[in-house]
């Protein structure tokens, strides 16, 4: 007889499949229960804040564009070149997402994957990217970038 999947595990698998992993959300989930009744809890090992060097790094970006022509022609090509130069790849680049809940005032959502968190940070600090950062600031009303490592249950200490 198969039991119903634990909602916490389903969410973790869904997040992993999506590629956009935000560890803070996963870590805020309540511990999985052994019986599902909430009476028994599985021990939750602690994690360190520093990802292992072998873990990939992800940059998650949301931006609200005010000058689409300049953003697309002056900023995005340089950002794309520098992503590749640091071993990165755009997993998601969406200009028209479907909003399932709440309000979404952003024009661009992207998820970038790098070989490591360090490579992602080096991309962000890249000299050529820094030269066009002002263009991004001038062409967007809102920009937010975070870097995180992948979630890996096996990597928990």
C-alpha atoms as a PDB file:
ATOM      1  CA  UNK A   1       0.000   0.000   0.000  1.00  0.00           C
ATOM      2  CA  UNK A   2       1.438   3.375  -0.976  1.00  0.00           C
ATOM      3  CA  UNK A   3       1.059   6.325   1.307  1.00  0.00           C
ATOM      4  CA  UNK A   4       0.286   9.875   0.291  1.00  0.00           C
ATOM      5  CA  UNK A   5       3.442  11.871  -0.488  1.00  0.00           C
ATOM      6  CA  UNK A   6       4.622  14.179   2.243  1.00  0.00           C
ATOM      7  CA  UNK A   7       3.763  17.754   1.095  1.00  0.00           C
ATOM      8  CA  UNK A   8       7.157  18.989   2.319  1.00  0.00           C
ATOM      9  CA  UNK A   9       8.978  16.479   0.116  1.00  0.00           C
ATOM     10  CA  UNK A  10       6.737  17.239  -2.867  1.00  0.00           C
ATOM     11  CA  UNK A  11       7.559  20.943  -2.517  1.00  0.00           C
ATOM     12  CA  UNK A  12      11.268  20.202  -2.299  1.00  0.00           C
ATOM     13  CA  UNK A  13      11.132  18.032  -5.447  1.00  0.00           C
ATOM     14  CA  UNK A  14       9.105  20.700  -7.255  1.00  0.00           C
ATOM     15  CA  UNK A  15      11.612  23.387  -6.330  1.00  0.00           C
ATOM     16  CA  UNK A  16      14.484  21.204  -7.485  1.00  0.00           C
ATOM     17  CA  UNK A  17      12.804  20.478 -10.803  1.00  0.00           C
ATOM     18  CA  UNK A  18      12.143  24.167 -11.384  1.00  0.00           C
ATOM     19  CA  UNK A  19      15.832  24.941 -11.034  1.00  0.00           C
ATOM     20  CA  UNK A  20      15.132  28.154  -9.145  1.00  0.00           C
ATOM     21  CA  UNK A  21      16.138  27.108  -5.696  1.00  0.00           C
ATOM     22  CA  UNK A  22      15.740  29.529  -2.851  1.00  0.00           C
ATOM     23  CA  UNK A  23      17.177  27.748   0.142  1.00  0.00           C
ATOM     24  CA  UNK A  24      15.618  30.089   2.674  1.00  0.00           C
ATOM     25  CA  UNK A  25      12.135  28.963   1.632  1.00  0.00           C
ATOM     26  CA  UNK A  26      13.028  25.290   1.796  1.00  0.00           C
ATOM     27  CA  UNK A  27      14.710  25.692   5.172  1.00  0.00           C
ATOM     28  CA  UNK A  28      11.632  27.430   6.594  1.00  0.00           C
ATOM     29  CA  UNK A  29       9.472  24.362   5.941  1.00  0.00           C
ATOM     30  CA  UNK A  30       8.424  22.537   9.100  1.00  0.00           C
ATOM     31  CA  UNK A  31      10.267  19.271   9.710  1.00  0.00           C
ATOM     32  CA  UNK A  32       8.774  16.263   7.955  1.00  0.00           C
ATOM     33  CA  UNK A  33       6.716  14.028  10.181  1.00  0.00           C
ATOM     34  CA  UNK A  34       7.222  10.295  10.368  1.00  0.00           C
ATOM     35  CA  UNK A  35       3.515   9.475  10.707  1.00  0.00           C
ATOM     36  CA  UNK A  36       2.059  12.561   9.062  1.00  0.00           C
ATOM     37  CA  UNK A  37       0.096  13.278  12.247  1.00  0.00           C
ATOM     38  CA  UNK A  38       2.463  15.948  13.525  1.00  0.00           C
ATOM     39  CA  UNK A  39       3.096  14.007  16.746  1.00  0.00           C
ATOM     40  CA  UNK A  40       6.491  12.639  15.714  1.00  0.00           C
ATOM     41  CA  UNK A  41       9.061  14.757  13.980  1.00  0.00           C
ATOM     42  CA  UNK A  42      12.046  13.711  11.977  1.00  0.00           C
ATOM     43  CA  UNK A  43      15.278  15.257  13.167  1.00  0.00           C
ATOM     44  CA  UNK A  44      16.433  18.101  11.000  1.00  0.00           C
ATOM     45  CA  UNK A  45      20.204  18.343  10.725  1.00  0.00           C
ATOM     46  CA  UNK A  46      21.730  21.790  10.643  1.00  0.00           C
ATOM     47  CA  UNK A  47      23.315  23.229   7.548  1.00  0.00           C
ATOM     48  CA  UNK A  48      26.140  25.640   7.125  1.00  0.00           C
ATOM     49  CA  UNK A  49      25.683  28.952   5.362  1.00  0.00           C
ATOM     50  CA  UNK A  50      28.633  28.263   3.069  1.00  0.00           C
ATOM     51  CA  UNK A  51      27.828  25.996   0.109  1.00  0.00           C
ATOM     52  CA  UNK A  52      30.219  23.274  -0.903  1.00  0.00           C
ATOM     53  CA  UNK A  53      32.488  24.282  -3.783  1.00  0.00           C
ATOM     54  CA  UNK A  54      30.996  21.517  -5.933  1.00  0.00           C
ATOM     55  CA  UNK A  55      27.493  22.982  -5.666  1.00  0.00           C
ATOM     56  CA  UNK A  56      26.230  25.064  -8.542  1.00  0.00           C
ATOM     57  CA  UNK A  57      25.391  28.712  -7.970  1.00  0.00           C
ATOM     58  CA  UNK A  58      22.174  30.362  -9.092  1.00  0.00           C
ATOM     59  CA  UNK A  59      21.434  34.039  -9.613  1.00  0.00           C
ATOM     60  CA  UNK A  60      17.740  34.824  -9.498  1.00  0.00           C
ATOM     61  CA  UNK A  61      16.757  38.184 -10.939  1.00  0.00           C
ATOM     62  CA  UNK A  62      13.550  40.179 -11.224  1.00  0.00           C
ATOM     63  CA  UNK A  63      13.519  43.565 -12.907  1.00  0.00           C
ATOM     64  CA  UNK A  64      11.012  46.187 -13.956  1.00  0.00           C
ATOM     65  CA  UNK A  65      12.175  47.782 -17.193  1.00  0.00           C
ATOM     66  CA  UNK A  66      11.538  51.463 -17.918  1.00  0.00           C
ATOM     67  CA  UNK A  67      13.618  51.767 -21.118  1.00  0.00           C
ATOM     68  CA  UNK A  68      13.294  48.454 -22.937  1.00  0.00           C
ATOM     69  CA  UNK A  69      15.323  49.460 -26.008  1.00  0.00           C
ATOM     70  CA  UNK A  70      18.419  50.461 -24.021  1.00  0.00           C
ATOM     71  CA  UNK A  71      18.092  47.529 -21.646  1.00  0.00           C
ATOM     72  CA  UNK A  72      17.842  45.030 -24.513  1.00  0.00           C
ATOM     73  CA  UNK A  73      20.501  46.634 -26.732  1.00  0.00           C
ATOM     74  CA  UNK A  74      23.070  48.024 -24.295  1.00  0.00           C
ATOM     75  CA  UNK A  75      22.872  45.998 -21.089  1.00  0.00           C
ATOM     76  CA  UNK A  76      21.607  42.515 -21.937  1.00  0.00           C
ATOM     77  CA  UNK A  77      24.217  41.635 -24.619  1.00  0.00           C
ATOM     78  CA  UNK A  78      27.103  42.456 -22.265  1.00  0.00           C
ATOM     79  CA  UNK A  79      25.468  40.586 -19.371  1.00  0.00           C
ATOM     80  CA  UNK A  80      24.953  37.560 -21.625  1.00  0.00           C
ATOM     81  CA  UNK A  81      28.569  37.563 -22.839  1.00  0.00           C
ATOM     82  CA  UNK A  82      29.849  37.781 -19.282  1.00  0.00           C
ATOM     83  CA  UNK A  83      27.532  34.976 -18.111  1.00  0.00           C
ATOM     84  CA  UNK A  84      29.094  32.660 -20.708  1.00  0.00           C
ATOM     85  CA  UNK A  85      32.616  33.860 -19.854  1.00  0.00           C
ATOM     86  CA  UNK A  86      32.074  32.710 -16.269  1.00  0.00           C
ATOM     87  CA  UNK A  87      30.694  29.312 -17.268  1.00  0.00           C
ATOM     88  CA  UNK A  88      27.101  30.337 -16.681  1.00  0.00           C
ATOM     89  CA  UNK A  89      23.904  29.661 -18.539  1.00  0.00           C
ATOM     90  CA  UNK A  90      20.462  31.267 -18.515  1.00  0.00           C
ATOM     91  CA  UNK A  91      18.005  28.582 -17.412  1.00  0.00           C
ATOM     92  CA  UNK A  92      15.058  30.976 -17.400  1.00  0.00           C
ATOM     93  CA  UNK A  93      14.624  34.303 -19.162  1.00  0.00           C
ATOM     94  CA  UNK A  94      10.984  35.301 -19.164  1.00  0.00           C
ATOM     95  CA  UNK A  95       9.467  38.565 -20.305  1.00  0.00           C
ATOM     96  CA  UNK A  96       5.871  37.400 -19.912  1.00  0.00           C
ATOM     97  CA  UNK A  97       5.323  35.047 -16.967  1.00  0.00           C
ATOM     98  CA  UNK A  98       1.878  33.810 -15.989  1.00  0.00           C
ATOM     99  CA  UNK A  99       1.045  35.143 -12.530  1.00  0.00           C
ATOM    100  CA  UNK A 100      -0.690  32.467 -10.475  1.00  0.00           C
ATOM    101  CA  UNK A 101      -1.146  34.399  -7.252  1.00  0.00           C
ATOM    102  CA  UNK A 102      -0.677  37.995  -6.138  1.00  0.00           C
ATOM    103  CA  UNK A 103       0.662  40.894  -8.159  1.00  0.00           C
ATOM    104  CA  UNK A 104       3.761  40.759 -10.328  1.00  0.00           C
ATOM    105  CA  UNK A 105       5.015  44.131 -11.513  1.00  0.00           C
ATOM    106  CA  UNK A 106       8.282  42.894 -12.996  1.00  0.00           C
ATOM    107  CA  UNK A 107       9.050  42.710 -16.714  1.00  0.00           C
ATOM    108  CA  UNK A 108      11.959  40.269 -16.616  1.00  0.00           C
ATOM    109  CA  UNK A 109      12.545  37.205 -14.516  1.00  0.00           C
ATOM    110  CA  UNK A 110      15.707  35.179 -14.948  1.00  0.00           C
ATOM    111  CA  UNK A 111      17.461  32.256 -13.346  1.00  0.00           C
ATOM    112  CA  UNK A 112      21.137  31.901 -14.170  1.00  0.00           C
ATOM    113  CA  UNK A 113      23.147  28.791 -13.365  1.00  0.00           C
ATOM    114  CA  UNK A 114      26.897  28.897 -12.698  1.00  0.00           C
ATOM    115  CA  UNK A 115      29.376  26.113 -11.901  1.00  0.00           C
ATOM    116  CA  UNK A 116      29.596  27.433  -8.307  1.00  0.00           C
ATOM    117  CA  UNK A 117      28.390  30.242  -6.064  1.00  0.00           C
ATOM    118  CA  UNK A 118      31.884  31.715  -6.373  1.00  0.00           C
ATOM    119  CA  UNK A 119      31.600  31.775 -10.195  1.00  0.00           C
ATOM    120  CA  UNK A 120      28.227  33.551  -9.868  1.00  0.00           C
ATOM    121  CA  UNK A 121      29.755  36.165  -7.572  1.00  0.00           C
ATOM    122  CA  UNK A 122      32.695  36.610  -9.947  1.00  0.00           C
ATOM    123  CA  UNK A 123      30.242  37.175 -12.826  1.00  0.00           C
ATOM    124  CA  UNK A 124      28.472  39.883 -10.846  1.00  0.00           C
ATOM    125  CA  UNK A 125      31.790  41.569  -9.998  1.00  0.00           C
ATOM    126  CA  UNK A 126      33.099  41.255 -13.581  1.00  0.00           C
ATOM    127  CA  UNK A 127      34.698  44.497 -14.821  1.00  0.00           C
ATOM    128  CA  UNK A 128      32.812  44.538 -18.137  1.00  0.00           C
ATOM    129  CA  UNK A 129      29.510  43.980 -16.348  1.00  0.00           C
ATOM    130  CA  UNK A 130      30.333  46.741 -13.882  1.00  0.00           C
ATOM    131  CA  UNK A 131      30.848  49.110 -16.809  1.00  0.00           C
ATOM    132  CA  UNK A 132      27.219  48.636 -17.939  1.00  0.00           C
ATOM    133  CA  UNK A 133      25.700  48.426 -14.457  1.00  0.00           C
ATOM    134  CA  UNK A 134      24.744  52.102 -14.675  1.00  0.00           C
ATOM    135  CA  UNK A 135      22.761  51.327 -17.839  1.00  0.00           C
ATOM    136  CA  UNK A 136      20.817  48.681 -15.904  1.00  0.00           C
ATOM    137  CA  UNK A 137      20.124  51.205 -13.145  1.00  0.00           C
ATOM    138  CA  UNK A 138      18.998  53.819 -15.680  1.00  0.00           C
ATOM    139  CA  UNK A 139      16.746  51.406 -17.611  1.00  0.00           C
ATOM    140  CA  UNK A 140      15.013  49.657 -14.727  1.00  0.00           C
ATOM    141  CA  UNK A 141      12.780  50.984 -11.968  1.00  0.00           C
ATOM    142  CA  UNK A 142      13.391  47.927  -9.854  1.00  0.00           C
ATOM    143  CA  UNK A 143      16.089  45.321  -9.906  1.00  0.00           C
ATOM    144  CA  UNK A 144      16.797  42.567  -7.445  1.00  0.00           C
ATOM    145  CA  UNK A 145      19.429  39.850  -7.675  1.00  0.00           C
ATOM    146  CA  UNK A 146      20.199  37.096  -5.228  1.00  0.00           C
ATOM    147  CA  UNK A 147      22.731  34.299  -5.349  1.00  0.00           C
ATOM    148  CA  UNK A 148      22.182  30.918  -3.767  1.00  0.00           C
ATOM    149  CA  UNK A 149      23.439  27.382  -4.024  1.00  0.00           C
ATOM    150  CA  UNK A 150      21.404  24.413  -5.058  1.00  0.00           C
ATOM    151  CA  UNK A 151      19.413  22.537  -2.467  1.00  0.00           C
ATOM    152  CA  UNK A 152      20.720  19.047  -1.967  1.00  0.00           C
ATOM    153  CA  UNK A 153      19.443  16.799   0.828  1.00  0.00           C
ATOM    154  CA  UNK A 154      22.626  14.727   0.468  1.00  0.00           C
ATOM    155  CA  UNK A 155      24.726  17.854   1.045  1.00  0.00           C
ATOM    156  CA  UNK A 156      23.260  18.541   4.461  1.00  0.00           C
ATOM    157  CA  UNK A 157      25.712  18.110   7.312  1.00  0.00           C
END
